[in-house]
Every structure is written in C-alpha cells, then in structure tokens.
PDB file of all heavy atoms in Angstrom:
ATOM      1  N   SER A   1      91.504 104.733 164.877  1.00  0.00           N
ATOM      2  CA  SER A   1      90.579 105.427 163.978  1.00  0.00           C
ATOM      3  C   SER A   1      89.717 106.447 164.701  1.00  0.00           C
ATOM      4  O   SER A   1      89.416 107.519 164.168  1.00  0.00           O
ATOM      5  CB  SER A   1      89.689 104.419 163.251  1.00  0.00           C
ATOM      6  OG  SER A   1      88.937 103.653 164.188  1.00  0.00           O
ATOM      7  N   SER A   2      89.327 106.146 165.915  1.00  0.00           N
ATOM      8  CA  SER A   2      88.503 107.080 166.678  1.00  0.00           C
ATOM      9  C   SER A   2      89.293 108.337 167.036  1.00  0.00           C
ATOM     10  O   SER A   2      88.807 109.468 166.889  1.00  0.00           O
ATOM     11  CB  SER A   2      87.999 106.410 167.961  1.00  0.00           C
ATOM     12  OG  SER A   2      87.242 107.318 168.738  1.00  0.00           O
ATOM     13  N   ALA A   3      90.526 108.155 167.483  1.00  0.00           N
ATOM     14  CA  ALA A   3      91.383 109.294 167.817  1.00  0.00           C
ATOM     15  C   ALA A   3      91.711 110.107 166.562  1.00  0.00           C
ATOM     16  O   ALA A   3      91.756 111.343 166.597  1.00  0.00           O
ATOM     17  CB  ALA A   3      92.660 108.797 168.481  1.00  0.00           C
ATOM     18  N   ALA A   4      91.939 109.375 165.457  1.00  0.00           N
ATOM     19  CA  ALA A   4      92.248 110.054 164.199  1.00  0.00           C
ATOM     20  C   ALA A   4      91.082 110.933 163.747  1.00  0.00           C
ATOM     21  O   ALA A   4      91.280 112.061 163.272  1.00  0.00           O
ATOM     22  CB  ALA A   4      92.571 109.025 163.120  1.00  0.00           C
ATOM     23  N   GLN A   5      89.865 110.443 163.910  1.00  0.00           N
ATOM     24  CA  GLN A   5      88.688 111.215 163.535  1.00  0.00           C
ATOM     25  C   GLN A   5      88.533 112.438 164.445  1.00  0.00           C
ATOM     26  O   GLN A   5      88.160 113.515 163.987  1.00  0.00           O
ATOM     27  CB  GLN A   5      87.434 110.337 163.619  1.00  0.00           C
ATOM     28  CG  GLN A   5      86.169 111.001 163.094  1.00  0.00           C
ATOM     29  CD  GLN A   5      86.277 111.410 161.631  1.00  0.00           C
ATOM     30  OE1 GLN A   5      86.874 110.692 160.817  1.00  0.00           O
ATOM     31  NE2 GLN A   5      85.726 112.561 161.285  1.00  0.00           N
ATOM     32  N   TRP A   6      88.840 112.252 165.728  1.00  0.00           N
ATOM     33  CA  TRP A   6      88.772 113.378 166.670  1.00  0.00           C
ATOM     34  C   TRP A   6      89.724 114.490 166.237  1.00  0.00           C
ATOM     35  O   TRP A   6      89.367 115.677 166.266  1.00  0.00           O
ATOM     36  CB  TRP A   6      89.125 112.902 168.081  1.00  0.00           C
ATOM     37  CG  TRP A   6      88.839 113.932 169.160  1.00  0.00           C
ATOM     38  CD1 TRP A   6      87.725 114.008 169.939  1.00  0.00           C
ATOM     39  CD2 TRP A   6      89.695 115.008 169.550  1.00  0.00           C
ATOM     40  NE1 TRP A   6      87.812 115.082 170.799  1.00  0.00           N
ATOM     41  CE2 TRP A   6      89.033 115.731 170.561  1.00  0.00           C
ATOM     42  CE3 TRP A   6      90.945 115.467 169.142  1.00  0.00           C
ATOM     43  CZ2 TRP A   6      89.572 116.852 171.183  1.00  0.00           C
ATOM     44  CZ3 TRP A   6      91.486 116.600 169.745  1.00  0.00           C
ATOM     45  CH2 TRP A   6      90.806 117.287 170.759  1.00  0.00           C
ATOM     46  N   LEU A   7      90.935 114.102 165.843  1.00  0.00           N
ATOM     47  CA  LEU A   7      91.922 115.090 165.414  1.00  0.00           C
ATOM     48  C   LEU A   7      91.454 115.838 164.166  1.00  0.00           C
ATOM     49  O   LEU A   7      91.621 117.056 164.062  1.00  0.00           O
ATOM     50  CB  LEU A   7      93.267 114.413 165.159  1.00  0.00           C
ATOM     51  CG  LEU A   7      94.000 113.918 166.412  1.00  0.00           C
ATOM     52  CD1 LEU A   7      95.208 113.069 166.031  1.00  0.00           C
ATOM     53  CD2 LEU A   7      94.432 115.097 167.280  1.00  0.00           C
ATOM     54  N   LEU A   8      90.869 115.113 163.211  1.00  0.00           N
ATOM     55  CA  LEU A   8      90.366 115.773 162.005  1.00  0.00           C
ATOM     56  C   LEU A   8      89.297 116.798 162.334  1.00  0.00           C
ATOM     57  O   LEU A   8      89.255 117.898 161.751  1.00  0.00           O
ATOM     58  CB  LEU A   8      89.786 114.729 161.035  1.00  0.00           C
ATOM     59  CG  LEU A   8      90.773 113.923 160.194  1.00  0.00           C
ATOM     60  CD1 LEU A   8      90.041 112.816 159.452  1.00  0.00           C
ATOM     61  CD2 LEU A   8      91.505 114.827 159.200  1.00  0.00           C
ATOM     62  N   GLU A   9      88.443 116.470 163.298  1.00  0.00           N
ATOM     63  CA  GLU A   9      87.311 117.342 163.617  1.00  0.00           C
ATOM     64  C   GLU A   9      87.668 118.471 164.573  1.00  0.00           C
ATOM     65  O   GLU A   9      87.124 119.580 164.468  1.00  0.00           O
ATOM     66  CB  GLU A   9      86.179 116.505 164.220  1.00  0.00           C
ATOM     67  CG  GLU A   9      85.573 115.515 163.233  1.00  0.00           C
ATOM     68  CD  GLU A   9      84.512 114.644 163.876  1.00  0.00           C
ATOM     69  OE1 GLU A   9      84.234 114.831 165.095  1.00  0.00           O
ATOM     70  OE2 GLU A   9      83.959 113.762 163.187  1.00  0.00           O
ATOM     71  N   HIS A  10      88.568 118.199 165.525  1.00  0.00           N
ATOM     72  CA  HIS A  10      88.788 119.167 166.608  1.00  0.00           C
ATOM     73  C   HIS A  10      90.154 119.854 166.616  1.00  0.00           C
ATOM     74  O   HIS A  10      90.298 120.897 167.273  1.00  0.00           O
ATOM     75  CB  HIS A  10      88.566 118.483 167.957  1.00  0.00           C
ATOM     76  CG  HIS A  10      87.179 117.952 168.120  1.00  0.00           C
ATOM     77  ND1 HIS A  10      86.074 118.767 168.286  1.00  0.00           N
ATOM     78  CD2 HIS A  10      86.723 116.672 168.130  1.00  0.00           C
ATOM     79  CE1 HIS A  10      84.983 118.023 168.398  1.00  0.00           C
ATOM     80  NE2 HIS A  10      85.342 116.743 168.306  1.00  0.00           N
ATOM     81  N   ALA A  11      91.159 119.296 165.912  1.00  0.00           N
ATOM     82  CA  ALA A  11      92.475 119.944 165.899  1.00  0.00           C
ATOM     83  C   ALA A  11      92.389 121.398 165.419  1.00  0.00           C
ATOM     84  O   ALA A  11      93.090 122.272 165.959  1.00  0.00           O
ATOM     85  CB  ALA A  11      93.448 119.147 165.023  1.00  0.00           C
ATOM     86  N   PRO A  12      91.524 121.711 164.421  1.00  0.00           N
ATOM     87  CA  PRO A  12      91.419 123.111 163.980  1.00  0.00           C
ATOM     88  C   PRO A  12      90.972 124.072 165.083  1.00  0.00           C
ATOM     89  O   PRO A  12      91.294 125.264 165.038  1.00  0.00           O
ATOM     90  CB  PRO A  12      90.380 123.047 162.852  1.00  0.00           C
ATOM     91  CG  PRO A  12      90.475 121.647 162.335  1.00  0.00           C
ATOM     92  CD  PRO A  12      90.738 120.818 163.557  1.00  0.00           C
ATOM     93  N   ASP A  13      90.253 123.550 166.089  1.00  0.00           N
ATOM     94  CA  ASP A  13      89.828 124.416 167.198  1.00  0.00           C
ATOM     95  C   ASP A  13      91.016 124.929 167.987  1.00  0.00           C
ATOM     96  O   ASP A  13      90.916 125.942 168.702  1.00  0.00           O
ATOM     97  CB  ASP A  13      88.899 123.641 168.145  1.00  0.00           C
ATOM     98  CG  ASP A  13      87.611 123.208 167.466  1.00  0.00           C
ATOM     99  OD1 ASP A  13      87.219 123.866 166.474  1.00  0.00           O
ATOM    100  OD2 ASP A  13      87.015 122.203 167.913  1.00  0.00           O
ATOM    101  N   TYR A  14      92.147 124.238 167.858  1.00  0.00           N
ATOM    102  CA  TYR A  14      93.366 124.619 168.567  1.00  0.00           C
ATOM    103  C   TYR A  14      94.416 125.222 167.619  1.00  0.00           C
ATOM    104  O   TYR A  14      95.557 125.449 168.024  1.00  0.00           O
ATOM    105  CB  TYR A  14      93.947 123.397 169.288  1.00  0.00           C
ATOM    106  CG  TYR A  14      93.000 122.828 170.311  1.00  0.00           C
ATOM    107  CD1 TYR A  14      92.024 121.902 169.939  1.00  0.00           C
ATOM    108  CD2 TYR A  14      93.053 123.228 171.641  1.00  0.00           C
ATOM    109  CE1 TYR A  14      91.134 121.382 170.871  1.00  0.00           C
ATOM    110  CE2 TYR A  14      92.164 122.714 172.591  1.00  0.00           C
ATOM    111  CZ  TYR A  14      91.199 121.800 172.182  1.00  0.00           C
ATOM    112  OH  TYR A  14      90.307 121.300 173.123  1.00  0.00           O
ATOM    113  N   GLY A  15      93.999 125.452 166.368  1.00  0.00           N
ATOM    114  CA  GLY A  15      94.909 126.070 165.398  1.00  0.00           C
ATOM    115  C   GLY A  15      95.719 125.098 164.566  1.00  0.00           C
ATOM    116  O   GLY A  15      96.643 125.518 163.854  1.00  0.00           O
ATOM    117  N   PHE A  16      95.381 123.801 164.616  1.00  0.00           N
ATOM    118  CA  PHE A  16      96.144 122.781 163.900  1.00  0.00           C
ATOM    119  C   PHE A  16      95.350 122.191 162.731  1.00  0.00           C
ATOM    120  O   PHE A  16      94.119 122.187 162.739  1.00  0.00           O
ATOM    121  CB  PHE A  16      96.528 121.635 164.839  1.00  0.00           C
ATOM    122  CG  PHE A  16      97.544 121.998 165.875  1.00  0.00           C
ATOM    123  CD1 PHE A  16      97.139 122.440 167.135  1.00  0.00           C
ATOM    124  CD2 PHE A  16      98.901 121.903 165.600  1.00  0.00           C
ATOM    125  CE1 PHE A  16      98.078 122.772 168.104  1.00  0.00           C
ATOM    126  CE2 PHE A  16      99.848 122.235 166.568  1.00  0.00           C
ATOM    127  CZ  PHE A  16      99.432 122.672 167.828  1.00  0.00           C
ATOM    128  N   VAL A  17      96.083 121.654 161.770  1.00  0.00           N
ATOM    129  CA  VAL A  17      95.487 120.836 160.712  1.00  0.00           C
ATOM    130  C   VAL A  17      96.235 119.507 160.675  1.00  0.00           C
ATOM    131  O   VAL A  17      97.419 119.437 161.053  1.00  0.00           O
ATOM    132  CB  VAL A  17      95.575 121.503 159.313  1.00  0.00           C
ATOM    133  CG1 VAL A  17      94.753 122.780 159.270  1.00  0.00           C
ATOM    134  CG2 VAL A  17      97.025 121.756 158.905  1.00  0.00           C
ATOM    135  N   VAL A  18      95.526 118.452 160.272  1.00  0.00           N
ATOM    136  CA  VAL A  18      96.198 117.170 160.021  1.00  0.00           C
ATOM    137  C   VAL A  18      96.928 117.352 158.698  1.00  0.00           C
ATOM    138  O   VAL A  18      96.309 117.483 157.648  1.00  0.00           O
ATOM    139  CB  VAL A  18      95.187 116.014 159.958  1.00  0.00           C
ATOM    140  CG1 VAL A  18      95.900 114.716 159.586  1.00  0.00           C
ATOM    141  CG2 VAL A  18      94.458 115.880 161.282  1.00  0.00           C
ATOM    142  N   ARG A  19      98.243 117.380 158.755  1.00  0.00           N
ATOM    143  CA  ARG A  19      99.051 117.813 157.615  1.00  0.00           C
ATOM    144  C   ARG A  19      99.061 116.830 156.452  1.00  0.00           C
ATOM    145  O   ARG A  19      99.107 117.241 155.284  1.00  0.00           O
ATOM    146  CB  ARG A  19     100.493 118.059 158.085  1.00  0.00           C
ATOM    147  CG  ARG A  19     101.437 118.544 156.987  1.00  0.00           C
ATOM    148  CD  ARG A  19     101.054 119.924 156.506  1.00  0.00           C
ATOM    149  NE  ARG A  19     102.003 120.409 155.509  1.00  0.00           N
ATOM    150  CZ  ARG A  19     101.886 120.228 154.205  1.00  0.00           C
ATOM    151  NH1 ARG A  19     100.846 119.572 153.710  1.00  0.00           N
ATOM    152  NH2 ARG A  19     102.790 120.706 153.373  1.00  0.00           N
ATOM    153  N   TYR A  20      99.036 115.529 156.750  1.00  0.00           N
ATOM    154  CA  TYR A  20      99.152 114.527 155.692  1.00  0.00           C
ATOM    155  C   TYR A  20      97.924 113.613 155.695  1.00  0.00           C
ATOM    156  O   TYR A  20      97.969 112.473 156.175  1.00  0.00           O
ATOM    157  CB  TYR A  20     100.431 113.706 155.873  1.00  0.00           C
ATOM    158  CG  TYR A  20     101.680 114.570 155.966  1.00  0.00           C
ATOM    159  CD1 TYR A  20     102.501 114.520 157.087  1.00  0.00           C
ATOM    160  CD2 TYR A  20     101.993 115.457 154.939  1.00  0.00           C
ATOM    161  CE1 TYR A  20     103.634 115.331 157.176  1.00  0.00           C
ATOM    162  CE2 TYR A  20     103.117 116.279 155.022  1.00  0.00           C
ATOM    163  CZ  TYR A  20     103.930 116.213 156.145  1.00  0.00           C
ATOM    164  OH  TYR A  20     105.037 117.015 156.223  1.00  0.00           O
ATOM    165  N   PRO A  21      96.805 114.112 155.163  1.00  0.00           N
ATOM    166  CA  PRO A  21      95.560 113.327 155.187  1.00  0.00           C
ATOM    167  C   PRO A  21      95.564 112.166 154.197  1.00  0.00           C
ATOM    168  O   PRO A  21      96.335 112.141 153.235  1.00  0.00           O
ATOM    169  CB  PRO A  21      94.494 114.366 154.814  1.00  0.00           C
ATOM    170  CG  PRO A  21      95.233 115.366 153.988  1.00  0.00           C
ATOM    171  CD  PRO A  21      96.609 115.444 154.575  1.00  0.00           C
ATOM    172  N   ARG A  22      94.685 111.238 154.447  1.00  0.00           N
ATOM    173  CA  ARG A  22      94.550 110.062 153.591  1.00  0.00           C
ATOM    174  C   ARG A  22      94.047 110.489 152.201  1.00  0.00           C
ATOM    175  O   ARG A  22      93.181 111.352 152.071  1.00  0.00           O
ATOM    176  CB  ARG A  22      93.570 109.079 154.227  1.00  0.00           C
ATOM    177  CG  ARG A  22      93.507 107.716 153.549  1.00  0.00           C
ATOM    178  CD  ARG A  22      92.504 106.823 154.284  1.00  0.00           C
ATOM    179  NE  ARG A  22      92.908 106.581 155.663  1.00  0.00           N
ATOM    180  CZ  ARG A  22      93.714 105.592 156.039  1.00  0.00           C
ATOM    181  NH1 ARG A  22      94.199 104.747 155.125  1.00  0.00           N
ATOM    182  NH2 ARG A  22      94.029 105.418 157.321  1.00  0.00           N
ATOM    183  N   GLY A  23      94.599 109.854 151.158  1.00  0.00           N
ATOM    184  CA  GLY A  23      94.168 110.139 149.794  1.00  0.00           C
ATOM    185  C   GLY A  23      94.856 111.322 149.140  1.00  0.00           C
ATOM    186  O   GLY A  23      94.572 111.653 147.991  1.00  0.00           O
ATOM    187  N   LYS A  24      95.779 111.972 149.851  1.00  0.00           N
ATOM    188  CA  LYS A  24      96.458 113.158 149.319  1.00  0.00           C
ATOM    189  C   LYS A  24      97.962 112.937 149.175  1.00  0.00           C
ATOM    190  O   LYS A  24      98.743 113.888 149.078  1.00  0.00           O
ATOM    191  CB  LYS A  24      96.218 114.357 150.243  1.00  0.00           C
ATOM    192  CG  LYS A  24      94.745 114.722 150.429  1.00  0.00           C
ATOM    193  CD  LYS A  24      94.197 115.444 149.217  1.00  0.00           C
ATOM    194  CE  LYS A  24      92.794 115.984 149.501  1.00  0.00           C
ATOM    195  NZ  LYS A  24      92.271 116.803 148.388  1.00  0.00           N
ATOM    196  N   GLU A  25      98.363 111.671 149.122  1.00  0.00           N
ATOM    197  CA  GLU A  25      99.792 111.346 149.120  1.00  0.00           C
ATOM    198  C   GLU A  25     100.555 111.965 147.955  1.00  0.00           C
ATOM    199  O   GLU A  25     101.693 112.423 148.117  1.00  0.00           O
ATOM    200  CB  GLU A  25      99.979 109.818 149.109  1.00  0.00           C
ATOM    201  CG  GLU A  25      99.581 109.120 150.394  1.00  0.00           C
ATOM    202  CD  GLU A  25      98.082 108.845 150.519  1.00  0.00           C
ATOM    203  OE1 GLU A  25      97.319 109.310 149.636  1.00  0.00           O
ATOM    204  OE2 GLU A  25      97.670 108.179 151.484  1.00  0.00           O
ATOM    205  N   SER A  26      99.934 111.985 146.781  1.00  0.00           N
ATOM    206  CA  SER A  26     100.646 112.516 145.608  1.00  0.00           C
ATOM    207  C   SER A  26     100.837 114.019 145.698  1.00  0.00           C
ATOM    208  O   SER A  26     101.711 114.579 145.028  1.00  0.00           O
ATOM    209  CB  SER A  26      99.868 112.177 144.327  1.00  0.00           C
ATOM    210  OG  SER A  26      98.612 112.831 144.299  1.00  0.00           O
ATOM    211  N   ILE A  27     100.032 114.676 146.528  1.00  0.00           N
ATOM    212  CA  ILE A  27     100.120 116.129 146.669  1.00  0.00           C
ATOM    213  C   ILE A  27     101.085 116.524 147.780  1.00  0.00           C
ATOM    214  O   ILE A  27     101.943 117.388 147.599  1.00  0.00           O
ATOM    215  CB  ILE A  27      98.724 116.727 146.930  1.00  0.00           C
ATOM    216  CG1 ILE A  27      97.795 116.424 145.757  1.00  0.00           C
ATOM    217  CG2 ILE A  27      98.814 118.233 147.172  1.00  0.00           C
ATOM    218  CD1 ILE A  27      96.357 116.806 145.994  1.00  0.00           C
ATOM    219  N   THR A  28     100.956 115.874 148.929  1.00  0.00           N
ATOM    220  CA  THR A  28     101.831 116.215 150.056  1.00  0.00           C
ATOM    221  C   THR A  28     103.219 115.594 149.922  1.00  0.00           C
ATOM    222  O   THR A  28     104.192 116.110 150.470  1.00  0.00           O
ATOM    223  CB  THR A  28     101.219 115.736 151.386  1.00  0.00           C
ATOM    224  OG1 THR A  28     101.139 114.295 151.373  1.00  0.00           O
ATOM    225  CG2 THR A  28      99.827 116.326 151.583  1.00  0.00           C
ATOM    226  N   GLY A  29     103.279 114.466 149.203  1.00  0.00           N
ATOM    227  CA  GLY A  29     104.563 113.788 149.039  1.00  0.00           C
ATOM    228  C   GLY A  29     104.817 112.715 150.080  1.00  0.00           C
ATOM    229  O   GLY A  29     105.842 112.020 150.015  1.00  0.00           O
ATOM    230  N   TYR A  30     103.881 112.557 151.036  1.00  0.00           N
ATOM    231  CA  TYR A  30     104.067 111.570 152.103  1.00  0.00           C
ATOM    232  C   TYR A  30     102.817 110.710 152.275  1.00  0.00           C
ATOM    233  O   TYR A  30     101.699 111.142 151.956  1.00  0.00           O
ATOM    234  CB  TYR A  30     104.368 112.261 153.436  1.00  0.00           C
ATOM    235  CG  TYR A  30     105.665 113.034 153.437  1.00  0.00           C
ATOM    236  CD1 TYR A  30     105.671 114.419 153.275  1.00  0.00           C
ATOM    237  CD2 TYR A  30     106.886 112.382 153.596  1.00  0.00           C
ATOM    238  CE1 TYR A  30     106.857 115.141 153.276  1.00  0.00           C
ATOM    239  CE2 TYR A  30     108.081 113.097 153.590  1.00  0.00           C
ATOM    240  CZ  TYR A  30     108.062 114.471 153.426  1.00  0.00           C
ATOM    241  OH  TYR A  30     109.244 115.171 153.410  1.00  0.00           O
ATOM    242  N   MET A  31     103.018 109.502 152.795  1.00  0.00           N
ATOM    243  CA  MET A  31     101.886 108.656 153.143  1.00  0.00           C
ATOM    244  C   MET A  31     101.066 109.344 154.240  1.00  0.00           C
ATOM    245  O   MET A  31     101.576 110.229 154.944  1.00  0.00           O
ATOM    246  CB  MET A  31     102.364 107.289 153.623  1.00  0.00           C
ATOM    247  CG  MET A  31     103.283 107.333 154.835  1.00  0.00           C
ATOM    248  SD  MET A  31     103.907 105.705 155.308  1.00  0.00           S
ATOM    249  CE  MET A  31     102.415 105.007 156.026  1.00  0.00           C
ATOM    250  N   HIS A  32      99.805 108.948 154.379  1.00  0.00           N
ATOM    251  CA  HIS A  32      98.949 109.611 155.356  1.00  0.00           C
ATOM    252  C   HIS A  32      99.476 109.376 156.773  1.00  0.00           C
ATOM    253  O   HIS A  32      99.967 108.290 157.106  1.00  0.00           O
ATOM    254  CB  HIS A  32      97.504 109.120 155.237  1.00  0.00           C
ATOM    255  CG  HIS A  32      97.326 107.673 155.573  1.00  0.00           C
ATOM    256  ND1 HIS A  32      97.544 106.668 154.655  1.00  0.00           N
ATOM    257  CD2 HIS A  32      96.963 107.061 156.729  1.00  0.00           C
ATOM    258  CE1 HIS A  32      97.310 105.499 155.226  1.00  0.00           C
ATOM    259  NE2 HIS A  32      96.957 105.704 156.476  1.00  0.00           N
ATOM    260  N   GLU A  33      99.369 110.414 157.591  1.00  0.00           N
ATOM    261  CA  GLU A  33      99.800 110.349 158.988  1.00  0.00           C
ATOM    262  C   GLU A  33      98.724 111.016 159.842  1.00  0.00           C
ATOM    263  O   GLU A  33      98.653 112.248 159.912  1.00  0.00           O
ATOM    264  CB  GLU A  33     101.152 111.038 159.189  1.00  0.00           C
ATOM    265  CG  GLU A  33     102.306 110.361 158.452  1.00  0.00           C
ATOM    266  CD  GLU A  33     103.656 111.014 158.739  1.00  0.00           C
ATOM    267  OE1 GLU A  33     103.673 112.061 159.429  1.00  0.00           O
ATOM    268  OE2 GLU A  33     104.687 110.484 158.277  1.00  0.00           O
TER     269      GLU A  33
END
C-alpha cells in the first residue's frame, strides 16, 4: 500500500499514470493494478 500510494503521487513526475486505479473497473475493463 505504501509503494502503491507513492506511485499514485509521484509516477506523473516521470510521465506515467497508474492505468487501472481502484474503483474504476467498469470503465477500464480490468481489476485495479
């Protein structure tokens, strides 16, 4: 959970987004990753 939170907050600084966030399964089509 700590690493996951770091990725949510800091991945955009490197040009990335967490592609399959929690609670968005019906939109992305996949379970959260």
